[in-house]
C-alpha cells in the first residue's frame, strides 16, 4: 500500500523548479496521478520513479557524448556544448585508448582520434578538460578495459587544477562484463577484469563519494542485437554480479550500492522502452532488498542514463533520424531517466558535426521546456498497456535470472562469468539479432527511407572529417612526454603495478595513481597488468 503521507513529506521537502505547474491552457497539474493506495514515485519498488518530485525538482542531466581527434579538438566541442546549455560532459575515447594501446602502437595506425579522442598521457587529459571546472560539472567517461588507468589520470588532472578527488562528480562506465557479451573491447580475461572493477568500486567508496564507479550498461547489449527483454535481464544480471563481487571483497552493500548507476538504450519501440525502464527499477529494488540485504533507500533506487539507439539511425535520408531520436528521447524521459544523450542525425555517416550535435541537444531542450512532460511523474503509469508490458518484461527477466543463478550454483557472479566463458550470452544475442533480421526480410518491420518511402532527399550530408594530421600531431606530443619524463620513476611505477596485480589482496588504484604521476602512458600501464593477467579470446559461437 502506498504511503501518501510519506510521499507528501518527500515532495514538500523537495526544491521545485517553479511555483506552479499547469498545462498551456492553465489547468493545474498534480505531481502524480493514480487511485488511492496506488504505488507512488519515490516509494518501493520505485516502478514509478526513484524520487517523489521527479522532474519538478530537477530535470534530467543533458549529457551529450563527444570525442574526436585530439584532446584540444574535443575540449573545444565540450566548451561549445556547455555554452549551448548542456549540463554534463560525456567523453568518447578512440579505439586505441579503449583497448589500452598508445597512439604509437603499430595496431593504432589509422585509428588515432578517429572514433573518439586520443588519450595517451596525463598531459592529454589536462588538455581535454582545460578551462573546465571539474568540481562544478559532472563528467561521464565511456571506457572499460582501461577504465582504472583513465580514472587515475582524471584524478591527477583534477587535483593539479585544485579540485580534490572527493569533490569530483560523474560516472565511469567500467562495465567489463558487457564487453565480453556485446561490445568486445576487452583485454584481460573476465575474472581479473572483475577484480579491477571491484578495486575501483572500493577506492571510490572510500575516497570519492560523489563518483559512480560503474555504469552497468545495457546499451551495447541492445546495439549488438538483443531484444529489450534481454537487455533488461542481462544488464541487471551484470549489476547483481558486481554487487556479489564487491560484497566478496569485503564491502558492505549499503556502502557502495548507492553509487552504482545504469545505462540503457532508448530504441524505437516506444511503449516497450518505457516499460523496460519501469521494470528495471522494480526488479533492482526487489533483488537488492530481498537477496542482498540492502536497506538504504539509495541502494534500492536504480538510477540510469539513457542514449537513443545508434543502431536505429539510417544513412539513407539521414534527416529522418531527427524524428527517430525525438521519439526515443521521449521514451527515455517518460520512463524516468536521470540523464540523457540524444544521437545526432548524421551519426550513421560519421562522428557528428557541431550543428548536428547542437540539434540533438535542442531536441532534449524542446522536450524539457515545451512539451509539459516534465510536470508530472510517470504520466503513463496506470495505462493498461504500459503496466502489462512492464510486468511481461519483468517476468522474462526473472526467467533469465533463474537460469544464471542455476549456472552459478546459487551465485549470480559465477553464473554470469560461466555464461561468458562458454559463449552463452554471445549466442543468445546473435540468435536475437538473426531473428530480427528475418523479420525485416519478411517485411514485418519497416524502416522508413530504407524499406519503404525511399523517394526522399538523399542529397549528400556534410560530415565531420578527421584530418590525418591529427595522428602525426598526437605522436609528436606522446614522444615529447616520453623524452621529458624521468625514466627511473616510470620503470619503478610499472614494476609496482605488476607486483600489485599479482596480489589480489591489494587495491590497484594507488599504484595506478603513482604511475599517472610518473607520466606512464595508458599502454605502458595496461602492458604491466597484462604481464600478470594475460589476455582473452572468446569461444567460437555455436
Protein backbone atom coordinates (compact mmCIF):
# COMPACT_ATOMS: atom_id res chain seq x y z
CA UNK A 1 0.00 0.00 0.00
CA UNK A 2 1.36 3.43 -0.92
CA UNK A 3 2.12 5.77 1.96
CA UNK A 4 0.57 9.09 0.93
CA UNK A 5 1.89 10.96 3.96
CA UNK A 6 5.46 9.81 3.24
CA UNK A 7 5.06 10.90 -0.38
CA UNK A 8 3.67 14.28 0.65
CA UNK A 9 6.55 14.86 3.07
CA UNK A 10 9.18 13.93 0.47
CA UNK A 11 7.53 16.08 -2.18
CA UNK A 12 7.19 19.08 0.11
CA UNK A 13 10.85 18.78 1.13
CA UNK A 14 11.96 18.94 -2.49
CA UNK A 15 13.13 22.18 -4.04
CA UNK A 16 10.87 22.68 -7.05
CA UNK A 17 11.86 24.34 -10.33
CA UNK A 18 8.81 26.61 -10.37
CA UNK A 19 5.90 27.62 -8.16
CA UNK A 20 3.09 26.37 -10.42
CA UNK A 21 2.83 23.52 -12.90
CA UNK A 22 -0.01 23.83 -15.41
CA UNK A 23 -0.94 22.91 -18.96
CA UNK A 24 -0.63 25.55 -21.68
CA UNK A 25 -4.30 26.30 -21.04
CA UNK A 26 -3.62 26.97 -17.37
CA UNK A 27 -5.08 23.75 -15.94
CA UNK A 28 -3.25 22.98 -12.67
CA UNK A 29 -1.33 19.69 -12.65
CA UNK A 30 -0.83 17.36 -9.70
CA UNK A 31 2.68 15.94 -9.18
CA UNK A 32 1.41 12.40 -9.82
CA UNK A 33 -1.86 10.71 -10.76
CA UNK A 34 -3.43 7.43 -9.71
CA UNK A 35 -6.13 5.92 -7.49
CA UNK A 36 -5.93 5.98 -3.72
CA UNK A 37 -3.46 3.41 -2.48
CA UNK A 38 -1.65 3.11 -5.84
CA UNK A 39 2.12 2.99 -5.95
CA UNK A 40 3.75 6.42 -5.79
CA UNK A 41 7.09 7.63 -7.18
CA UNK A 42 9.88 7.66 -4.65
CA UNK A 43 8.48 4.60 -2.84
CA UNK A 44 9.45 0.93 -3.01
CA UNK A 45 9.68 -0.72 -5.51
CA UNK A 46 10.16 2.56 -7.41
CA UNK A 47 8.38 1.44 -10.57
CA UNK A 48 7.08 4.99 -10.98
CA UNK A 49 10.40 6.71 -10.39
CA UNK A 50 13.19 7.00 -7.83
CA UNK A 51 12.12 10.40 -6.44
CA UNK A 52 8.80 11.81 -5.27
CA UNK A 53 9.17 15.08 -7.18
CA UNK A 54 10.94 13.67 -10.25
CA UNK A 55 11.49 16.38 -12.89
CA UNK A 56 9.55 19.00 -10.95
CA UNK A 57 12.62 19.50 -8.79
CA UNK A 58 15.39 18.74 -11.29
CA UNK A 59 15.40 18.00 -14.99
CA UNK A 60 17.45 15.10 -16.25
CA UNK A 61 21.10 15.88 -16.99
CA UNK A 62 21.54 16.68 -20.68
CA UNK A 63 24.79 14.88 -21.28
CA UNK A 64 25.95 14.91 -24.90
CA UNK A 65 28.57 12.33 -25.93
CA UNK A 66 31.61 13.98 -27.52
CA UNK A 67 35.10 12.94 -28.51
CA UNK A 68 37.15 13.13 -31.68
CA UNK A 69 40.61 13.97 -32.93
CA UNK A 70 42.99 15.49 -30.43
CA UNK A 71 42.31 16.44 -26.84
CA UNK A 72 42.23 20.10 -27.94
CA UNK A 73 39.59 19.34 -30.60
CA UNK A 74 37.32 17.64 -28.09
CA UNK A 75 37.91 20.32 -25.47
CA UNK A 76 36.59 22.88 -27.95
CA UNK A 77 33.46 20.74 -28.52
CA UNK A 78 32.98 20.42 -24.74
CA UNK A 79 33.01 24.19 -24.37
CA UNK A 80 30.54 24.56 -27.25
CA UNK A 81 28.14 22.03 -25.73
CA UNK A 82 28.28 23.69 -22.32
CA UNK A 83 27.70 27.08 -23.91
CA UNK A 84 24.66 25.65 -25.73
CA UNK A 85 23.04 24.58 -22.47
CA UNK A 86 24.48 21.12 -21.88
CA UNK A 87 24.63 20.26 -18.19
CA UNK A 88 27.14 17.41 -18.19
CA UNK A 89 30.04 16.09 -20.23
CA UNK A 90 30.35 12.62 -21.74
CA UNK A 91 33.67 11.54 -23.19
CA UNK A 92 34.17 9.24 -26.17
CA UNK A 93 37.67 7.76 -26.49
CA UNK A 94 39.25 6.49 -29.68
CA UNK A 95 39.71 2.77 -30.31
CA UNK A 96 43.39 2.58 -29.29
CA UNK A 97 42.61 4.22 -25.94
CA UNK A 98 39.62 1.91 -25.39
CA UNK A 99 41.85 -1.10 -25.97
CA UNK A 100 44.69 0.24 -23.84
CA UNK A 101 47.07 0.89 -26.74
CA UNK A 102 49.17 4.01 -27.11
CA UNK A 103 48.93 6.06 -30.28
CA UNK A 104 52.40 4.93 -31.33
CA UNK A 105 51.49 1.22 -31.16
CA UNK A 106 51.52 -0.48 -34.60
CA UNK A 107 47.88 -1.56 -34.17
CA UNK A 108 46.83 2.07 -33.59
CA UNK A 109 47.86 3.24 -37.02
CA UNK A 110 44.96 4.86 -38.85
CA UNK A 111 42.70 4.79 -35.78
CA UNK A 112 44.13 7.64 -33.71
CA UNK A 113 41.42 10.19 -32.96
CA UNK A 114 39.03 8.65 -35.49
CA UNK A 115 36.12 7.37 -33.40
CA UNK A 116 36.84 9.35 -30.26
CA UNK A 117 39.55 11.38 -28.57
CA UNK A 118 43.10 10.05 -28.30
CA UNK A 119 44.41 9.95 -24.71
CA UNK A 120 47.89 8.58 -24.06
CA UNK A 121 49.13 10.59 -21.08
CA UNK A 122 48.16 12.86 -18.21
CA UNK A 123 49.12 15.78 -20.44
CA UNK A 124 46.43 14.76 -22.94
CA UNK A 125 43.89 14.55 -20.11
CA UNK A 126 44.84 18.05 -18.93
CA UNK A 127 44.25 19.49 -22.40
CA UNK A 128 40.95 17.60 -22.71
CA UNK A 129 39.49 19.39 -19.68
CA UNK A 130 41.34 22.69 -19.96
CA UNK A 131 39.23 25.61 -18.78
CA UNK A 132 36.51 23.37 -17.32
CA UNK A 133 35.79 23.42 -13.59
CA UNK A 134 35.77 19.71 -12.76
CA UNK A 135 34.28 20.45 -9.36
CA UNK A 136 31.26 22.13 -10.95
CA UNK A 137 30.47 19.86 -13.91
CA UNK A 138 29.80 16.12 -13.86
CA UNK A 139 31.79 14.01 -16.29
CA UNK A 140 30.96 10.66 -17.81
CA UNK A 141 33.77 8.62 -19.36
CA UNK A 142 32.89 5.74 -21.64
CA UNK A 143 35.77 3.33 -21.18
CA UNK A 144 36.04 -0.16 -19.74
CA UNK A 145 39.24 -2.21 -20.10
CA UNK A 146 41.44 0.80 -19.41
CA UNK A 147 38.95 2.47 -17.05
CA UNK A 148 41.12 2.36 -13.93
CA UNK A 149 44.09 3.86 -15.78
CA UNK A 150 41.99 6.67 -17.26
CA UNK A 151 40.39 7.33 -13.87
CA UNK A 152 43.80 7.75 -12.25
CA UNK A 153 44.77 10.29 -14.93
CA UNK A 154 41.50 12.20 -14.45
CA UNK A 155 42.08 12.40 -10.69
CA UNK A 156 45.64 13.63 -11.31
CA UNK A 157 44.42 16.44 -13.58
CA UNK A 158 41.64 17.46 -11.20
CA UNK A 159 43.94 17.63 -8.19
CA UNK A 160 46.57 19.55 -10.18
CA UNK A 161 43.90 22.15 -11.01
CA UNK A 162 42.80 22.47 -7.39
CA UNK A 163 39.78 20.13 -7.23
CA UNK A 164 40.01 17.43 -4.55
CA UNK A 165 39.06 13.92 -5.64
CA UNK A 166 36.26 13.89 -3.05
CA UNK A 167 34.61 16.78 -4.93
CA UNK A 168 34.58 15.07 -8.31
CA UNK A 169 31.18 14.03 -9.62
CA UNK A 170 30.45 11.81 -12.58
CA UNK A 171 30.42 8.30 -13.90
CA UNK A 172 32.97 5.85 -15.21
CA UNK A 173 31.42 3.20 -17.41
CA UNK A 174 33.82 0.48 -16.18
CA UNK A 175 31.35 -2.31 -17.05
CA UNK A 176 33.66 -5.03 -18.32
CA UNK A 177 31.10 -7.86 -18.27
CA UNK A 178 29.08 -6.43 -21.13
CA UNK A 179 32.28 -6.09 -23.17
CA UNK A 180 32.58 -9.87 -23.33
CA UNK A 181 28.86 -10.17 -24.04
CA UNK A 182 28.45 -7.50 -26.68
CA UNK A 183 30.94 -4.70 -27.35
CA UNK A 184 34.16 -6.77 -27.43
CA UNK A 185 36.58 -4.08 -26.20
CA UNK A 186 38.21 -6.30 -23.60
CA UNK A 187 41.89 -7.01 -22.96
CA UNK A 188 42.27 -9.21 -19.87
CA UNK A 189 40.32 -12.39 -19.02
CA UNK A 190 36.97 -11.89 -17.26
CA UNK A 191 37.99 -12.75 -13.70
CA UNK A 192 40.97 -10.39 -13.26
CA UNK A 193 38.93 -7.77 -15.11
CA UNK A 194 36.19 -8.04 -12.49
CA UNK A 195 38.90 -7.60 -9.84
CA UNK A 196 39.81 -4.27 -11.49
CA UNK A 197 36.18 -3.18 -11.36
CA UNK A 198 35.85 -4.02 -7.66
CA UNK A 199 39.14 -2.26 -6.89
CA UNK A 200 37.69 0.90 -8.41
CA UNK A 201 34.44 0.43 -6.52
CA UNK A 202 36.32 0.09 -3.25
CA UNK A 203 38.52 3.09 -4.00
CA UNK A 204 35.67 5.43 -4.93
CA UNK A 205 33.55 4.23 -1.99
CA UNK A 206 36.35 5.26 0.34
CA UNK A 207 37.61 8.43 -1.34
CA UNK A 208 35.13 9.71 -3.95
CA UNK A 209 31.60 9.81 -2.51
CA UNK A 210 30.16 11.71 -5.48
CA UNK A 211 31.52 9.36 -8.13
CA UNK A 212 29.72 6.43 -9.79
CA UNK A 213 32.40 3.79 -10.24
CA UNK A 214 30.36 1.56 -12.55
CA UNK A 215 27.68 2.31 -15.11
CA UNK A 216 26.14 -1.09 -15.76
CA UNK A 217 25.43 -0.82 -19.45
CA UNK A 218 22.66 -2.47 -21.39
CA UNK A 219 23.08 -0.03 -24.24
CA UNK A 220 25.76 -2.04 -26.03
CA UNK A 221 23.91 -5.31 -25.47
CA UNK A 222 20.94 -3.84 -27.32
CA UNK A 223 23.11 -2.34 -30.06
CA UNK A 224 24.60 -5.81 -30.63
CA UNK A 225 21.14 -7.15 -31.46
CA UNK A 226 19.46 -8.22 -28.23
CA UNK A 227 15.77 -7.83 -27.53
CA UNK A 228 14.54 -5.32 -24.97
CA UNK A 229 13.88 -8.18 -22.53
CA UNK A 230 17.44 -9.49 -22.97
CA UNK A 231 18.87 -6.00 -22.50
CA UNK A 232 16.93 -5.69 -19.26
CA UNK A 233 17.83 -9.15 -17.96
CA UNK A 234 21.49 -9.26 -18.96
CA UNK A 235 22.14 -5.75 -17.65
CA UNK A 236 20.61 -6.34 -14.24
CA UNK A 237 22.31 -9.74 -14.01
CA UNK A 238 25.64 -7.98 -14.56
CA UNK A 239 24.70 -5.48 -11.88
CA UNK A 240 23.96 -8.29 -9.42
CA UNK A 241 27.31 -9.88 -10.34
CA UNK A 242 29.16 -6.67 -9.44
CA UNK A 243 27.25 -6.46 -6.17
CA UNK A 244 28.35 -10.00 -5.28
CA UNK A 245 31.94 -9.26 -6.30
CA UNK A 246 32.04 -6.17 -4.09
CA UNK A 247 30.49 -8.00 -1.14
CA UNK A 248 33.06 -10.79 -1.57
CA UNK A 249 35.78 -8.12 -1.48
CA UNK A 250 34.53 -7.06 1.94
CA UNK A 251 32.40 -4.03 1.08
CA UNK A 252 29.09 -3.67 2.95
CA UNK A 253 26.31 -3.49 0.37
CA UNK A 254 24.97 -0.12 1.51
CA UNK A 255 28.44 1.42 1.32
CA UNK A 256 28.78 1.05 -2.45
CA UNK A 257 25.36 0.27 -3.94
CA UNK A 258 24.14 3.89 -3.84
CA UNK A 259 26.90 4.81 -6.31
CA UNK A 260 26.06 2.14 -8.86
CA UNK A 261 24.35 3.51 -11.95
CA UNK A 262 22.90 2.05 -15.13
CA UNK A 263 22.92 2.89 -18.84
CA UNK A 264 20.07 1.80 -21.10
CA UNK A 265 19.22 2.06 -24.76
CA UNK A 266 16.20 4.06 -25.93
CA UNK A 267 15.07 2.15 -29.01
CA UNK A 268 12.23 2.90 -31.38
CA UNK A 269 9.51 0.62 -29.90
CA UNK A 270 8.14 3.45 -27.80
CA UNK A 271 6.00 1.74 -25.16
CA UNK A 272 8.26 -1.28 -24.76
CA UNK A 273 11.16 1.01 -23.89
CA UNK A 274 9.15 2.87 -21.26
CA UNK A 275 8.04 -0.42 -19.73
CA UNK A 276 11.65 -1.67 -19.74
CA UNK A 277 12.82 1.21 -17.54
CA UNK A 278 9.92 0.78 -15.13
CA UNK A 279 10.57 -2.97 -14.84
CA UNK A 280 14.28 -2.35 -14.26
CA UNK A 281 13.59 -0.18 -11.23
CA UNK A 282 11.16 -2.70 -9.76
CA UNK A 283 13.49 -5.67 -10.27
CA UNK A 284 16.54 -3.90 -8.88
CA UNK A 285 14.77 -2.72 -5.74
CA UNK A 286 13.30 -6.14 -5.02
CA UNK A 287 16.51 -8.09 -5.58
CA UNK A 288 18.68 -5.63 -3.67
CA UNK A 289 16.39 -5.77 -0.65
CA UNK A 290 15.43 -9.43 -0.64
CA UNK A 291 18.61 -11.12 -1.89
CA UNK A 292 21.44 -8.78 -0.95
CA UNK A 293 20.05 -7.27 2.23
CA UNK A 294 20.32 -3.64 1.17
CA UNK A 295 18.44 -1.28 3.46
CA UNK A 296 19.47 2.22 2.39
CA UNK A 297 16.93 3.77 0.06
CA UNK A 298 19.69 4.88 -2.31
CA UNK A 299 20.83 1.27 -2.62
CA UNK A 300 17.35 0.26 -3.75
CA UNK A 301 16.68 3.06 -6.23
CA UNK A 302 18.03 2.30 -9.68
CA UNK A 303 19.26 5.46 -11.40
CA UNK A 304 20.11 5.37 -15.08
CA UNK A 305 21.40 7.22 -18.11
CA UNK A 306 19.74 6.77 -21.49
CA UNK A 307 21.08 7.13 -25.01
CA UNK A 308 18.95 6.97 -28.11
CA UNK A 309 19.60 3.95 -30.31
CA UNK A 310 22.54 4.34 -32.65
CA UNK A 311 21.51 1.16 -34.45
CA UNK A 312 18.16 2.74 -35.38
CA UNK A 313 19.84 5.55 -37.34
CA UNK A 314 19.92 5.33 -41.13
CA UNK A 315 22.41 6.61 -43.67
CA UNK A 316 19.56 6.95 -46.15
CA UNK A 317 17.51 10.14 -45.70
CA UNK A 318 19.50 10.94 -42.53
CA UNK A 319 17.32 13.93 -41.62
CA UNK A 320 14.57 11.44 -40.76
CA UNK A 321 16.80 10.42 -37.85
CA UNK A 322 15.74 13.67 -36.15
CA UNK A 323 12.25 12.20 -35.77
CA UNK A 324 13.55 8.84 -34.55
CA UNK A 325 15.78 10.48 -31.95
CA UNK A 326 12.99 12.72 -30.67
CA UNK A 327 10.65 9.74 -30.19
CA UNK A 328 13.34 7.65 -28.50
CA UNK A 329 14.33 10.54 -26.22
CA UNK A 330 10.68 11.00 -25.28
CA UNK A 331 10.54 7.35 -24.23
CA UNK A 332 13.59 7.86 -22.00
CA UNK A 333 12.01 10.85 -20.28
CA UNK A 334 8.61 9.19 -19.87
CA UNK A 335 10.46 6.20 -18.42
CA UNK A 336 12.11 8.40 -15.78
CA UNK A 337 15.76 8.64 -16.87
CA UNK A 338 18.24 10.65 -14.78
CA UNK A 339 20.38 11.73 -17.72
CA UNK A 340 20.04 11.55 -21.48
CA UNK A 341 22.14 11.63 -24.63
CA UNK A 342 20.42 12.24 -27.95
CA UNK A 343 22.21 10.95 -31.04
CA UNK A 344 22.92 13.38 -33.86
CA UNK A 345 21.11 12.76 -37.13
CA UNK A 346 24.37 12.32 -39.06
CA UNK A 347 25.93 9.65 -36.83
CA UNK A 348 25.14 6.82 -39.24
CA UNK A 349 27.66 8.52 -41.53
CA UNK A 350 30.40 9.83 -39.24
CA UNK A 351 31.04 11.47 -35.91
CA UNK A 352 28.56 14.35 -35.55
CA UNK A 353 29.21 17.83 -36.86
CA UNK A 354 28.86 20.74 -34.45
CA UNK A 355 25.49 21.70 -35.99
CA UNK A 356 24.14 18.15 -35.73
CA UNK A 357 25.29 17.86 -32.11
CA UNK A 358 23.56 21.14 -31.28
CA UNK A 359 20.31 19.97 -32.90
CA UNK A 360 20.49 16.77 -30.83
CA UNK A 361 20.82 18.83 -27.65
CA UNK A 362 17.98 21.13 -28.76
CA UNK A 363 15.77 18.03 -29.07
CA UNK A 364 16.16 17.41 -25.34
CA UNK A 365 15.55 21.06 -24.57
CA UNK A 366 12.28 21.08 -26.54
CA UNK A 367 11.09 18.04 -24.57
CA UNK A 368 12.07 19.70 -21.30
CA UNK A 369 10.80 23.21 -21.94
CA UNK A 370 7.90 22.95 -24.41
CA UNK A 371 6.01 19.67 -24.01
CA UNK A 372 4.95 19.76 -20.34
CA UNK A 373 6.07 16.14 -19.93
CA UNK A 374 8.36 17.04 -17.04
CA UNK A 375 5.47 18.45 -15.00
CA UNK A 376 4.07 15.06 -13.87
CA UNK A 377 5.86 11.94 -12.59
CA UNK A 378 5.27 8.73 -14.58
CA UNK A 379 2.41 10.19 -16.67
CA UNK A 380 1.80 6.80 -18.37
CA UNK A 381 1.57 4.92 -15.07
CA UNK A 382 -1.75 3.12 -14.80
CA UNK A 383 -2.04 2.63 -18.54
CA UNK A 384 -3.32 -0.92 -19.05
CA UNK A 385 -0.85 -1.36 -21.90
CA UNK A 386 2.21 0.05 -20.14
CA UNK A 387 1.50 -1.82 -16.90
CA UNK A 388 1.04 -5.11 -18.77
CA UNK A 389 4.27 -4.61 -20.73
CA UNK A 390 6.14 -3.73 -17.52
CA UNK A 391 5.03 -6.96 -15.88
CA UNK A 392 5.75 -9.03 -19.00
CA UNK A 393 9.32 -7.74 -19.26
CA UNK A 394 9.83 -8.29 -15.53
CA UNK A 395 8.70 -11.91 -15.88
CA UNK A 396 11.03 -12.55 -18.84
CA UNK A 397 13.96 -11.13 -16.90
CA UNK A 398 13.22 -13.36 -13.91
CA UNK A 399 13.45 -16.43 -16.16
CA UNK A 400 16.96 -15.37 -17.23
CA UNK A 401 17.98 -14.68 -13.62
CA UNK A 402 16.90 -18.18 -12.64
CA UNK A 403 18.98 -19.70 -15.45
CA UNK A 404 22.10 -17.75 -14.48
CA UNK A 405 21.61 -18.43 -10.79
CA UNK A 406 21.41 -22.16 -11.53
CA UNK A 407 24.53 -21.99 -13.71
CA UNK A 408 26.43 -20.42 -10.83
CA UNK A 409 25.10 -22.86 -8.20
CA UNK A 410 23.42 -20.00 -6.37
CA UNK A 411 25.91 -17.28 -7.36
CA UNK A 412 24.90 -14.70 -9.98
CA UNK A 413 28.56 -13.68 -10.29
CA UNK A 414 29.65 -17.22 -11.13
CA UNK A 415 26.65 -17.72 -13.36
CA UNK A 416 27.44 -14.62 -15.39
CA UNK A 417 31.15 -15.46 -15.65
CA UNK A 418 30.46 -19.03 -16.75
CA UNK A 419 27.90 -17.83 -19.30
CA UNK A 420 30.55 -15.51 -20.73
CA UNK A 421 33.25 -18.16 -20.72
CA UNK A 422 31.16 -20.70 -22.60
CA UNK A 423 29.64 -18.15 -25.01
CA UNK A 424 26.02 -18.38 -23.80
CA UNK A 425 25.40 -14.61 -23.75
CA UNK A 426 27.03 -14.16 -27.13
CA UNK A 427 24.90 -16.92 -28.66
CA UNK A 428 21.69 -15.52 -27.19
CA UNK A 429 22.38 -12.06 -28.61
CA UNK A 430 23.39 -13.46 -32.00
CA UNK A 431 20.20 -15.53 -32.19
CA UNK A 432 18.07 -12.49 -31.34
CA UNK A 433 19.81 -10.37 -33.97
CA UNK A 434 19.26 -13.08 -36.58
CA UNK A 435 15.58 -13.43 -35.68
CA UNK A 436 15.05 -9.68 -36.01
CA UNK A 437 16.80 -9.59 -39.37
CA UNK A 438 14.50 -12.36 -40.58
CA UNK A 439 11.51 -10.22 -39.56
CA UNK A 440 12.94 -7.31 -41.54
CA UNK A 441 13.41 -9.55 -44.60
CA UNK A 442 9.83 -10.78 -44.23
CA UNK A 443 8.51 -7.22 -44.17
CA UNK A 444 7.28 -7.44 -40.58
CA UNK A 445 9.40 -4.43 -39.59
CA UNK A 446 9.75 -1.42 -41.90
CA UNK A 447 12.46 1.22 -41.69
CA UNK A 448 11.24 4.44 -43.27
CA UNK A 449 13.50 5.62 -46.07
CA UNK A 450 15.19 2.21 -46.34
CA UNK A 451 12.50 -0.45 -46.81
CA UNK A 452 9.72 1.94 -47.83
CA UNK A 453 9.17 5.61 -48.64
CA UNK A 454 12.53 5.72 -50.37
CA UNK A 455 11.78 8.66 -52.66
CA UNK A 456 13.10 11.28 -50.22
CA UNK A 457 16.01 13.67 -50.46
CA UNK A 458 19.26 11.71 -50.38
CA UNK A 459 21.49 14.68 -51.14
CA UNK A 460 24.93 14.46 -49.62
CA UNK A 461 25.06 15.37 -45.94
CA UNK A 462 28.09 17.35 -44.72
CA UNK A 463 30.06 15.19 -42.30
CA UNK A 464 32.87 15.68 -39.81
CA UNK A 465 36.27 14.88 -41.25
CA UNK A 466 39.22 13.95 -39.03
CA UNK A 467 42.38 15.24 -40.66
CA UNK A 468 45.20 12.70 -40.97
CA UNK A 469 47.49 15.30 -39.41
CA UNK A 470 45.79 14.59 -36.05
CA UNK A 471 47.66 11.30 -35.78
CA UNK A 472 51.04 12.84 -36.55
CA UNK A 473 50.46 15.61 -34.02
CA UNK A 474 49.41 13.10 -31.35
CA UNK A 475 52.53 11.02 -31.98
CA UNK A 476 54.64 14.15 -31.58
CA UNK A 477 53.03 15.02 -28.23
CA UNK A 478 53.47 11.47 -26.99
CA UNK A 479 57.13 11.43 -27.98
CA UNK A 480 57.72 14.71 -26.16
CA UNK A 481 56.21 13.36 -22.93
CA UNK A 482 58.42 10.29 -23.15
CA UNK A 483 61.50 12.47 -23.68
CA UNK A 484 60.78 14.80 -20.78
CA UNK A 485 59.80 12.34 -18.03
CA UNK A 486 62.04 10.54 -15.52
CA UNK A 487 62.70 7.03 -16.87
CA UNK A 488 63.59 5.65 -13.42
CA UNK A 489 60.26 6.81 -11.99
CA UNK A 490 58.46 5.25 -14.93
CA UNK A 491 60.19 1.89 -14.55
CA UNK A 492 59.57 1.85 -10.80
CA UNK A 493 55.89 2.68 -11.22
CA UNK A 494 55.38 -0.04 -13.82
CA UNK A 495 57.11 -2.63 -11.64
CA UNK A 496 54.80 -1.65 -8.79
CA UNK A 497 51.71 -2.15 -10.98
CA UNK A 498 52.82 -5.66 -11.93
CA UNK A 499 53.61 -6.53 -8.31
CA UNK A 500 50.22 -5.32 -7.05
CA UNK A 501 48.39 -7.02 -9.93
CA UNK A 502 49.90 -10.31 -8.75
CA UNK A 503 48.41 -9.83 -5.26
CA UNK A 504 44.58 -9.70 -5.32
CA UNK A 505 44.51 -8.54 -1.71
CA UNK A 506 45.97 -5.14 -2.67
CA UNK A 507 43.93 -2.44 -4.41
CA UNK A 508 45.47 -1.43 -7.73
CA UNK A 509 44.32 2.19 -7.73
CA UNK A 510 47.18 3.66 -5.62
CA UNK A 511 49.73 2.05 -7.95
CA UNK A 512 47.91 3.45 -10.99
CA UNK A 513 47.78 6.91 -9.42
CA UNK A 514 51.53 6.76 -8.85
CA UNK A 515 52.01 5.71 -12.46
CA UNK A 516 49.94 8.66 -13.65
CA UNK A 517 52.09 10.99 -11.58
CA UNK A 518 55.20 9.43 -13.14
CA UNK A 519 53.78 10.10 -16.63
CA UNK A 520 53.46 6.45 -17.56
CA UNK A 521 51.29 6.08 -20.64
CA UNK A 522 47.99 4.24 -20.89
CA UNK A 523 49.62 1.49 -22.95
CA UNK A 524 52.54 1.03 -20.58
CA UNK A 525 50.25 0.59 -17.59
CA UNK A 526 48.00 -1.84 -19.44
CA UNK A 527 51.04 -3.84 -20.55
CA UNK A 528 52.22 -4.06 -16.95
CA UNK A 529 48.90 -5.57 -15.90
CA UNK A 530 48.78 -7.81 -18.96
CA UNK A 531 52.12 -9.34 -17.92
CA UNK A 532 50.27 -10.75 -14.90
CA UNK A 533 46.64 -11.12 -16.08
CA UNK A 534 47.21 -12.28 -19.65
CA UNK A 535 44.70 -11.63 -22.46
CA UNK A 536 41.36 -13.12 -23.50
CA UNK A 537 39.94 -14.71 -26.63
CA UNK A 538 36.24 -15.56 -26.62
CA UNK A 539 34.93 -19.00 -27.52
CA UNK A 540 33.61 -19.58 -31.03
CA UNK A 541 29.85 -19.20 -31.41
CA UNK A 542 28.00 -22.46 -31.98
